[in-house]
N, C-alpha and C. Protein backbone atom coordinates (compact mmCIF):
# COMPACT_ATOMS: atom_id res chain seq x y z
N UNK A 1 -185.67 -75.70 -99.76
CA UNK A 1 -185.02 -74.45 -100.02
C UNK A 1 -185.85 -73.65 -101.01
N UNK A 2 -186.13 -72.40 -100.73
CA UNK A 2 -186.91 -71.53 -101.60
C UNK A 2 -185.97 -70.53 -102.26
N UNK A 3 -186.01 -70.49 -103.59
CA UNK A 3 -185.15 -69.55 -104.32
C UNK A 3 -185.76 -68.16 -104.29
N UNK A 4 -184.90 -67.14 -104.41
CA UNK A 4 -185.41 -65.78 -104.52
C UNK A 4 -186.29 -65.67 -105.76
N UNK A 5 -187.39 -64.98 -105.62
CA UNK A 5 -188.28 -64.79 -106.75
C UNK A 5 -187.66 -63.83 -107.76
N UNK A 6 -187.87 -64.11 -109.02
CA UNK A 6 -187.43 -63.21 -110.08
C UNK A 6 -188.54 -62.20 -110.30
N UNK A 7 -188.23 -60.90 -110.28
CA UNK A 7 -189.28 -59.91 -110.47
C UNK A 7 -189.87 -59.98 -111.87
N UNK A 8 -191.09 -59.55 -112.01
CA UNK A 8 -191.73 -59.46 -113.31
C UNK A 8 -191.04 -58.39 -114.14
N UNK A 9 -191.06 -58.55 -115.45
CA UNK A 9 -190.40 -57.60 -116.35
C UNK A 9 -190.95 -56.18 -116.19
N UNK A 10 -192.15 -56.05 -115.70
CA UNK A 10 -192.73 -54.72 -115.54
C UNK A 10 -192.33 -54.07 -114.21
N UNK A 11 -191.69 -54.83 -113.33
CA UNK A 11 -191.27 -54.30 -112.02
C UNK A 11 -189.89 -53.67 -112.16
N UNK A 12 -189.83 -52.35 -112.16
CA UNK A 12 -188.56 -51.63 -112.33
C UNK A 12 -187.92 -51.28 -110.99
N UNK A 13 -188.39 -51.91 -109.94
CA UNK A 13 -187.91 -51.53 -108.61
C UNK A 13 -186.84 -52.47 -108.06
N UNK A 14 -186.46 -53.50 -108.80
CA UNK A 14 -185.45 -54.44 -108.30
C UNK A 14 -184.15 -53.68 -108.03
N UNK A 15 -183.53 -53.97 -106.93
CA UNK A 15 -182.30 -53.30 -106.54
C UNK A 15 -181.16 -54.30 -106.51
N UNK A 16 -179.98 -53.78 -106.72
CA UNK A 16 -178.79 -54.62 -106.68
C UNK A 16 -177.81 -54.06 -105.68
N UNK A 17 -177.23 -54.93 -104.89
CA UNK A 17 -176.09 -54.57 -104.06
C UNK A 17 -174.86 -54.94 -104.89
N UNK A 18 -173.94 -54.01 -105.05
CA UNK A 18 -172.73 -54.25 -105.84
C UNK A 18 -171.59 -54.45 -104.86
N UNK A 19 -170.94 -55.61 -104.95
CA UNK A 19 -169.90 -55.96 -103.99
C UNK A 19 -168.60 -56.31 -104.70
N UNK A 20 -167.52 -55.75 -104.22
CA UNK A 20 -166.19 -56.09 -104.71
C UNK A 20 -165.90 -57.54 -104.35
N UNK A 21 -165.37 -58.28 -105.31
CA UNK A 21 -165.08 -59.70 -105.09
C UNK A 21 -163.62 -59.87 -104.70
N UNK A 22 -163.39 -60.58 -103.61
CA UNK A 22 -162.03 -60.89 -103.18
C UNK A 22 -161.41 -61.89 -104.16
N UNK A 23 -160.09 -61.90 -104.26
CA UNK A 23 -159.44 -62.82 -105.21
C UNK A 23 -159.90 -64.27 -105.07
N UNK A 24 -160.17 -64.72 -103.87
CA UNK A 24 -160.60 -66.11 -103.71
C UNK A 24 -162.07 -66.33 -104.10
N UNK A 25 -162.78 -65.29 -104.48
CA UNK A 25 -164.17 -65.41 -104.92
C UNK A 25 -164.34 -65.36 -106.42
N UNK A 26 -163.25 -65.30 -107.15
CA UNK A 26 -163.35 -65.18 -108.61
C UNK A 26 -163.95 -66.42 -109.27
N UNK A 27 -163.99 -67.55 -108.56
CA UNK A 27 -164.61 -68.75 -109.14
C UNK A 27 -166.10 -68.53 -109.41
N UNK A 28 -166.76 -67.73 -108.57
CA UNK A 28 -168.19 -67.44 -108.81
C UNK A 28 -168.34 -66.61 -110.09
N UNK A 29 -167.42 -65.66 -110.30
CA UNK A 29 -167.45 -64.86 -111.53
C UNK A 29 -167.18 -65.76 -112.72
N UNK A 30 -166.24 -66.69 -112.59
CA UNK A 30 -165.89 -67.59 -113.69
C UNK A 30 -167.11 -68.38 -114.16
N UNK A 31 -167.93 -68.82 -113.24
CA UNK A 31 -169.12 -69.59 -113.60
C UNK A 31 -170.10 -68.73 -114.42
N UNK A 32 -170.32 -67.49 -113.99
CA UNK A 32 -171.22 -66.60 -114.73
C UNK A 32 -170.58 -66.17 -116.05
N UNK A 33 -169.28 -66.00 -116.04
CA UNK A 33 -168.54 -65.57 -117.23
C UNK A 33 -168.70 -66.58 -118.36
N UNK A 34 -168.71 -67.86 -118.04
CA UNK A 34 -168.87 -68.90 -119.06
C UNK A 34 -170.21 -68.74 -119.79
N UNK A 35 -171.29 -68.52 -119.05
CA UNK A 35 -172.61 -68.33 -119.67
C UNK A 35 -172.65 -67.05 -120.48
N UNK A 36 -172.05 -66.01 -119.97
CA UNK A 36 -171.98 -64.71 -120.66
C UNK A 36 -171.24 -64.84 -121.98
N UNK A 37 -170.08 -65.49 -121.97
CA UNK A 37 -169.30 -65.65 -123.19
C UNK A 37 -170.04 -66.50 -124.21
N UNK A 38 -170.75 -67.51 -123.75
CA UNK A 38 -171.55 -68.34 -124.65
C UNK A 38 -172.64 -67.49 -125.31
N UNK A 39 -173.29 -66.65 -124.52
CA UNK A 39 -174.34 -65.78 -125.05
C UNK A 39 -173.78 -64.85 -126.13
N UNK A 40 -172.54 -64.37 -125.93
CA UNK A 40 -171.91 -63.49 -126.92
C UNK A 40 -171.40 -64.24 -128.14
N UNK A 41 -171.34 -65.56 -128.05
CA UNK A 41 -170.75 -66.34 -129.12
C UNK A 41 -169.23 -66.23 -129.14
N UNK A 42 -168.66 -65.91 -127.99
CA UNK A 42 -167.21 -65.74 -127.86
C UNK A 42 -166.58 -67.04 -127.37
N UNK A 43 -165.27 -67.18 -127.55
CA UNK A 43 -164.59 -68.37 -127.00
C UNK A 43 -164.81 -68.47 -125.50
N UNK A 44 -164.93 -69.70 -125.02
CA UNK A 44 -165.24 -69.93 -123.60
C UNK A 44 -164.08 -69.57 -122.67
N UNK A 45 -162.90 -69.51 -123.19
CA UNK A 45 -161.74 -69.21 -122.34
C UNK A 45 -161.58 -67.69 -122.21
N UNK A 46 -161.46 -67.22 -120.98
CA UNK A 46 -161.27 -65.79 -120.69
C UNK A 46 -159.95 -65.66 -119.94
N UNK A 47 -158.85 -65.39 -120.65
CA UNK A 47 -157.53 -65.44 -120.02
C UNK A 47 -157.24 -64.32 -119.03
N UNK A 48 -158.08 -63.29 -118.99
CA UNK A 48 -157.80 -62.11 -118.15
C UNK A 48 -158.32 -62.22 -116.72
N UNK A 49 -159.21 -63.18 -116.46
CA UNK A 49 -159.82 -63.25 -115.13
C UNK A 49 -158.78 -63.38 -114.01
N UNK A 50 -157.73 -64.19 -114.14
CA UNK A 50 -156.73 -64.26 -113.05
C UNK A 50 -156.07 -62.91 -112.76
N UNK A 51 -156.03 -62.02 -113.74
CA UNK A 51 -155.42 -60.70 -113.51
C UNK A 51 -156.21 -59.89 -112.48
N UNK A 52 -157.49 -60.19 -112.31
CA UNK A 52 -158.31 -59.45 -111.35
C UNK A 52 -157.96 -59.83 -109.91
N UNK A 53 -157.19 -60.89 -109.73
CA UNK A 53 -156.71 -61.26 -108.40
C UNK A 53 -155.34 -60.64 -108.12
N UNK A 54 -154.63 -60.24 -109.17
CA UNK A 54 -153.23 -59.82 -108.99
C UNK A 54 -152.96 -58.35 -109.30
N UNK A 55 -153.80 -57.73 -110.08
CA UNK A 55 -153.54 -56.37 -110.56
C UNK A 55 -154.41 -55.37 -109.78
N UNK A 56 -153.78 -54.43 -109.12
CA UNK A 56 -154.50 -53.43 -108.31
C UNK A 56 -155.34 -52.48 -109.15
N UNK A 57 -155.15 -52.47 -110.47
CA UNK A 57 -155.93 -51.61 -111.36
C UNK A 57 -157.10 -52.35 -112.00
N UNK A 58 -157.43 -53.52 -111.47
CA UNK A 58 -158.56 -54.32 -111.96
C UNK A 58 -159.47 -54.66 -110.79
N UNK A 59 -160.77 -54.58 -111.04
CA UNK A 59 -161.76 -54.77 -109.99
C UNK A 59 -162.86 -55.70 -110.50
N UNK A 60 -163.16 -56.73 -109.74
CA UNK A 60 -164.26 -57.64 -110.06
C UNK A 60 -165.39 -57.39 -109.07
N UNK A 61 -166.59 -57.24 -109.60
CA UNK A 61 -167.77 -56.98 -108.78
C UNK A 61 -168.86 -58.00 -109.07
N UNK A 62 -169.63 -58.33 -108.04
CA UNK A 62 -170.84 -59.13 -108.19
C UNK A 62 -172.04 -58.25 -107.91
N UNK A 63 -173.15 -58.55 -108.57
CA UNK A 63 -174.42 -57.88 -108.29
C UNK A 63 -175.28 -58.88 -107.53
N UNK A 64 -175.78 -58.45 -106.38
CA UNK A 64 -176.61 -59.31 -105.55
C UNK A 64 -178.02 -58.73 -105.45
N UNK A 65 -178.99 -59.61 -105.52
CA UNK A 65 -180.37 -59.26 -105.19
C UNK A 65 -180.73 -60.20 -104.04
N UNK A 66 -180.80 -59.66 -102.85
CA UNK A 66 -180.94 -60.51 -101.67
C UNK A 66 -179.69 -61.37 -101.57
N UNK A 67 -179.88 -62.67 -101.38
CA UNK A 67 -178.75 -63.58 -101.25
C UNK A 67 -178.28 -64.12 -102.60
N UNK A 68 -178.98 -63.78 -103.66
CA UNK A 68 -178.70 -64.34 -104.97
C UNK A 68 -177.74 -63.45 -105.76
N UNK A 69 -176.73 -64.07 -106.38
CA UNK A 69 -175.83 -63.35 -107.28
C UNK A 69 -176.50 -63.33 -108.65
N UNK A 70 -176.72 -62.10 -109.18
CA UNK A 70 -177.50 -61.97 -110.42
C UNK A 70 -176.71 -61.33 -111.56
N UNK A 71 -175.43 -61.04 -111.33
CA UNK A 71 -174.62 -60.47 -112.40
C UNK A 71 -173.23 -60.12 -111.90
N UNK A 72 -172.45 -59.56 -112.82
CA UNK A 72 -171.08 -59.19 -112.48
C UNK A 72 -170.58 -58.09 -113.40
N UNK A 73 -169.52 -57.45 -112.97
CA UNK A 73 -168.79 -56.49 -113.81
C UNK A 73 -167.30 -56.68 -113.56
N UNK A 74 -166.54 -56.53 -114.62
CA UNK A 74 -165.09 -56.49 -114.53
C UNK A 74 -164.67 -55.10 -115.00
N UNK A 75 -164.03 -54.36 -114.11
CA UNK A 75 -163.63 -52.98 -114.38
C UNK A 75 -162.11 -52.92 -114.30
N UNK A 76 -161.53 -52.20 -115.24
CA UNK A 76 -160.07 -52.00 -115.17
C UNK A 76 -159.76 -50.54 -115.42
N UNK A 77 -158.62 -50.13 -114.89
CA UNK A 77 -158.17 -48.75 -115.08
C UNK A 77 -156.94 -48.78 -115.98
N UNK A 78 -157.05 -48.11 -117.11
CA UNK A 78 -155.97 -48.04 -118.08
C UNK A 78 -155.63 -46.59 -118.35
N UNK A 79 -154.42 -46.20 -118.07
CA UNK A 79 -153.95 -44.85 -118.36
C UNK A 79 -154.92 -43.78 -117.86
N UNK A 80 -155.42 -43.97 -116.64
CA UNK A 80 -156.27 -42.97 -116.02
C UNK A 80 -157.75 -43.05 -116.38
N UNK A 81 -158.13 -43.99 -117.22
CA UNK A 81 -159.53 -44.15 -117.61
C UNK A 81 -160.05 -45.49 -117.12
N UNK A 82 -161.23 -45.48 -116.50
CA UNK A 82 -161.88 -46.73 -116.11
C UNK A 82 -162.56 -47.31 -117.34
N UNK A 83 -162.45 -48.60 -117.48
CA UNK A 83 -163.08 -49.29 -118.61
C UNK A 83 -163.94 -50.42 -118.07
N UNK A 84 -165.16 -50.49 -118.57
CA UNK A 84 -166.04 -51.60 -118.22
C UNK A 84 -165.63 -52.74 -119.15
N UNK A 85 -164.73 -53.59 -118.67
CA UNK A 85 -164.21 -54.67 -119.50
C UNK A 85 -165.31 -55.67 -119.82
N UNK A 86 -166.11 -56.02 -118.83
CA UNK A 86 -167.23 -56.94 -119.01
C UNK A 86 -168.34 -56.52 -118.07
N UNK A 87 -169.59 -56.72 -118.51
CA UNK A 87 -170.75 -56.37 -117.68
C UNK A 87 -171.85 -57.33 -118.06
N UNK A 88 -172.42 -57.99 -117.05
CA UNK A 88 -173.44 -59.01 -117.35
C UNK A 88 -174.48 -59.06 -116.25
N UNK A 89 -175.73 -59.08 -116.66
CA UNK A 89 -176.85 -59.35 -115.76
C UNK A 89 -177.49 -60.64 -116.27
N UNK A 90 -177.70 -61.61 -115.39
CA UNK A 90 -178.30 -62.88 -115.79
C UNK A 90 -179.65 -62.64 -116.45
N UNK A 91 -179.95 -63.37 -117.53
CA UNK A 91 -181.17 -63.10 -118.30
C UNK A 91 -182.47 -62.94 -117.50
N UNK A 92 -182.75 -63.76 -116.49
CA UNK A 92 -184.02 -63.56 -115.77
C UNK A 92 -184.09 -62.23 -115.02
N UNK A 93 -182.95 -61.58 -114.82
CA UNK A 93 -182.89 -60.36 -114.03
C UNK A 93 -182.74 -59.11 -114.89
N UNK A 94 -182.83 -59.25 -116.18
CA UNK A 94 -182.72 -58.09 -117.07
C UNK A 94 -184.04 -57.33 -117.13
N UNK A 95 -183.91 -56.04 -117.39
CA UNK A 95 -185.05 -55.15 -117.60
C UNK A 95 -185.90 -54.97 -116.33
N UNK A 96 -185.25 -55.14 -115.16
CA UNK A 96 -185.95 -54.91 -113.90
C UNK A 96 -185.21 -53.92 -113.01
N UNK A 97 -184.18 -53.27 -113.55
CA UNK A 97 -183.47 -52.25 -112.79
C UNK A 97 -182.14 -52.67 -112.19
N UNK A 98 -181.82 -53.96 -112.26
CA UNK A 98 -180.55 -54.45 -111.70
C UNK A 98 -179.37 -53.80 -112.40
N UNK A 99 -179.34 -53.83 -113.72
CA UNK A 99 -178.22 -53.28 -114.47
C UNK A 99 -178.06 -51.78 -114.25
N UNK A 100 -179.16 -51.07 -114.27
CA UNK A 100 -179.12 -49.61 -114.05
C UNK A 100 -178.56 -49.29 -112.67
N UNK A 101 -179.02 -50.03 -111.65
CA UNK A 101 -178.53 -49.80 -110.28
C UNK A 101 -177.05 -50.15 -110.17
N UNK A 102 -176.63 -51.22 -110.83
CA UNK A 102 -175.23 -51.62 -110.79
C UNK A 102 -174.34 -50.59 -111.46
N UNK A 103 -174.76 -50.07 -112.61
CA UNK A 103 -173.96 -49.05 -113.30
C UNK A 103 -173.81 -47.82 -112.42
N UNK A 104 -174.91 -47.37 -111.82
CA UNK A 104 -174.84 -46.18 -110.95
C UNK A 104 -173.87 -46.41 -109.80
N UNK A 105 -173.90 -47.58 -109.20
CA UNK A 105 -173.00 -47.88 -108.08
C UNK A 105 -171.54 -47.93 -108.54
N UNK A 106 -171.29 -48.52 -109.69
CA UNK A 106 -169.92 -48.60 -110.20
C UNK A 106 -169.36 -47.23 -110.54
N UNK A 107 -170.16 -46.38 -111.19
CA UNK A 107 -169.71 -45.03 -111.53
C UNK A 107 -169.44 -44.21 -110.27
N UNK A 108 -170.30 -44.38 -109.26
CA UNK A 108 -170.10 -43.64 -108.00
C UNK A 108 -168.84 -44.13 -107.28
N UNK A 109 -168.54 -45.40 -107.39
CA UNK A 109 -167.37 -45.97 -106.73
C UNK A 109 -166.07 -45.51 -107.39
N UNK A 110 -166.12 -45.31 -108.70
CA UNK A 110 -164.92 -44.95 -109.47
C UNK A 110 -165.16 -43.66 -110.26
N UNK A 111 -165.21 -42.51 -109.61
CA UNK A 111 -165.39 -41.27 -110.39
C UNK A 111 -164.17 -41.04 -111.27
N UNK A 112 -164.40 -40.34 -112.36
CA UNK A 112 -163.33 -40.03 -113.31
C UNK A 112 -163.75 -40.36 -114.72
N UNK A 113 -162.77 -40.50 -115.59
CA UNK A 113 -163.03 -40.81 -117.00
C UNK A 113 -163.41 -42.28 -117.14
N UNK A 114 -164.40 -42.55 -118.00
CA UNK A 114 -164.89 -43.90 -118.25
C UNK A 114 -165.00 -44.15 -119.74
N UNK A 115 -164.82 -45.42 -120.10
CA UNK A 115 -165.11 -45.90 -121.45
C UNK A 115 -165.88 -47.20 -121.31
N UNK A 116 -166.99 -47.28 -122.03
CA UNK A 116 -167.84 -48.47 -122.02
C UNK A 116 -168.14 -48.81 -123.47
N UNK A 117 -167.93 -50.05 -123.86
CA UNK A 117 -168.20 -50.48 -125.23
C UNK A 117 -169.22 -51.60 -125.23
N UNK A 118 -170.11 -51.58 -126.21
CA UNK A 118 -171.06 -52.69 -126.36
C UNK A 118 -170.50 -53.65 -127.39
N UNK A 119 -170.80 -54.92 -127.20
CA UNK A 119 -170.30 -55.95 -128.10
C UNK A 119 -170.91 -55.80 -129.49
N UNK A 120 -170.14 -56.18 -130.49
CA UNK A 120 -170.62 -56.17 -131.87
C UNK A 120 -171.80 -57.14 -131.97
N UNK A 121 -172.84 -56.71 -132.67
CA UNK A 121 -173.99 -57.58 -132.90
C UNK A 121 -174.91 -57.74 -131.71
N UNK A 122 -174.83 -56.85 -130.75
CA UNK A 122 -175.68 -56.93 -129.55
C UNK A 122 -176.48 -55.63 -129.42
N UNK A 123 -177.51 -55.44 -130.26
CA UNK A 123 -178.25 -54.18 -130.21
C UNK A 123 -178.91 -53.92 -128.86
N UNK A 124 -179.31 -54.97 -128.15
CA UNK A 124 -179.93 -54.76 -126.83
C UNK A 124 -178.91 -54.17 -125.86
N UNK A 125 -177.66 -54.62 -125.95
CA UNK A 125 -176.61 -54.08 -125.07
C UNK A 125 -176.36 -52.61 -125.40
N UNK A 126 -176.30 -52.29 -126.68
CA UNK A 126 -176.08 -50.89 -127.07
C UNK A 126 -177.24 -50.01 -126.60
N UNK A 127 -178.45 -50.51 -126.73
CA UNK A 127 -179.62 -49.75 -126.26
C UNK A 127 -179.56 -49.54 -124.75
N UNK A 128 -179.16 -50.57 -124.01
CA UNK A 128 -179.02 -50.46 -122.55
C UNK A 128 -178.04 -49.34 -122.21
N UNK A 129 -176.86 -49.35 -122.83
CA UNK A 129 -175.85 -48.34 -122.50
C UNK A 129 -176.30 -46.94 -122.90
N UNK A 130 -177.00 -46.82 -124.01
CA UNK A 130 -177.54 -45.50 -124.39
C UNK A 130 -178.52 -45.00 -123.33
N UNK A 131 -179.34 -45.90 -122.79
CA UNK A 131 -180.34 -45.51 -121.78
C UNK A 131 -179.70 -45.16 -120.44
N UNK A 132 -178.70 -45.92 -120.01
CA UNK A 132 -178.13 -45.66 -118.68
C UNK A 132 -177.01 -44.62 -118.69
N UNK A 133 -176.48 -44.32 -119.88
CA UNK A 133 -175.44 -43.29 -120.01
C UNK A 133 -175.88 -42.24 -121.03
N UNK A 134 -177.01 -41.58 -120.80
CA UNK A 134 -177.56 -40.66 -121.81
C UNK A 134 -176.66 -39.47 -122.13
N UNK A 135 -175.80 -39.07 -121.21
CA UNK A 135 -174.94 -37.91 -121.44
C UNK A 135 -173.56 -38.28 -121.98
N UNK A 136 -173.34 -39.56 -122.19
CA UNK A 136 -172.03 -39.99 -122.69
C UNK A 136 -171.89 -39.68 -124.17
N UNK A 137 -170.67 -39.39 -124.57
CA UNK A 137 -170.35 -39.24 -125.99
C UNK A 137 -170.25 -40.63 -126.58
N UNK A 138 -170.92 -40.84 -127.72
CA UNK A 138 -170.92 -42.17 -128.33
C UNK A 138 -170.21 -42.12 -129.68
N UNK A 139 -169.32 -43.10 -129.89
CA UNK A 139 -168.60 -43.23 -131.16
C UNK A 139 -168.68 -44.67 -131.63
N UNK A 140 -168.44 -44.87 -132.89
CA UNK A 140 -168.33 -46.22 -133.46
C UNK A 140 -166.86 -46.55 -133.62
N UNK A 141 -166.46 -47.70 -133.11
CA UNK A 141 -165.08 -48.17 -133.26
C UNK A 141 -165.14 -49.66 -133.55
N UNK A 142 -164.72 -50.04 -134.74
CA UNK A 142 -164.71 -51.46 -135.09
C UNK A 142 -166.06 -52.13 -134.99
N UNK A 143 -167.12 -51.44 -135.33
CA UNK A 143 -168.46 -52.01 -135.27
C UNK A 143 -169.10 -51.93 -133.90
N UNK A 144 -168.35 -51.51 -132.90
CA UNK A 144 -168.89 -51.40 -131.54
C UNK A 144 -169.29 -49.96 -131.26
N UNK A 145 -170.29 -49.80 -130.42
CA UNK A 145 -170.62 -48.47 -129.89
C UNK A 145 -169.76 -48.28 -128.65
N UNK A 146 -168.99 -47.20 -128.62
CA UNK A 146 -168.12 -46.92 -127.49
C UNK A 146 -168.57 -45.61 -126.86
N UNK A 147 -168.84 -45.67 -125.57
CA UNK A 147 -169.35 -44.53 -124.82
C UNK A 147 -168.24 -43.97 -123.95
N UNK A 148 -168.07 -42.65 -124.00
CA UNK A 148 -167.06 -41.96 -123.19
C UNK A 148 -167.78 -40.96 -122.29
N UNK A 149 -167.40 -40.95 -121.02
CA UNK A 149 -167.99 -39.99 -120.11
C UNK A 149 -167.03 -39.71 -118.98
N UNK A 150 -167.29 -38.61 -118.29
CA UNK A 150 -166.51 -38.26 -117.10
C UNK A 150 -167.50 -38.12 -115.95
N UNK A 151 -167.19 -38.80 -114.85
CA UNK A 151 -168.06 -38.78 -113.68
C UNK A 151 -167.34 -38.01 -112.58
N UNK A 152 -167.96 -36.92 -112.16
CA UNK A 152 -167.41 -36.11 -111.07
C UNK A 152 -167.67 -36.82 -109.74
N UNK A 153 -166.76 -36.68 -108.78
CA UNK A 153 -167.01 -37.27 -107.46
C UNK A 153 -168.34 -36.77 -106.88
N UNK A 154 -169.15 -37.68 -106.40
CA UNK A 154 -170.44 -37.33 -105.82
C UNK A 154 -171.54 -37.04 -106.83
N UNK A 155 -171.25 -37.20 -108.13
CA UNK A 155 -172.23 -36.86 -109.16
C UNK A 155 -173.26 -37.96 -109.37
N UNK A 156 -172.99 -39.18 -108.95
CA UNK A 156 -173.90 -40.30 -109.16
C UNK A 156 -174.39 -40.75 -107.80
N UNK A 157 -175.67 -41.08 -107.77
CA UNK A 157 -176.16 -41.66 -106.52
C UNK A 157 -177.43 -41.16 -106.10
């Protein structure tokens, strides 16, 4: 079996297919979520994941490069605003365009008001969000950078 090649860090052409995950596919997200939470230094238990199978205002997405799953996003809608609850690209796939392509696809899928926050103590995450959301209003809340933007239908893509 030959694994998909990981692009070189200088290759900005990697593309991601963003796919909505069915409730019975959340186990794949759970596996990536564990590594993501460890990287953040957060508790390994994520009690909200089952809600993505039951709540129509929550959406779980996987990022695919070819046949390989290389990241995920958990999006929820609260009081008319979409929130990027969690966003993760596996370390070997960072800085090659996967995250940028995934953000563009998610914003295009859910036009409207958005809020995206970077984790405390993660300057690389804050830098990523500043780069991919250059027109967003940025505020500090509880040590986190929180980005607010409105996406018009058809404005991304």
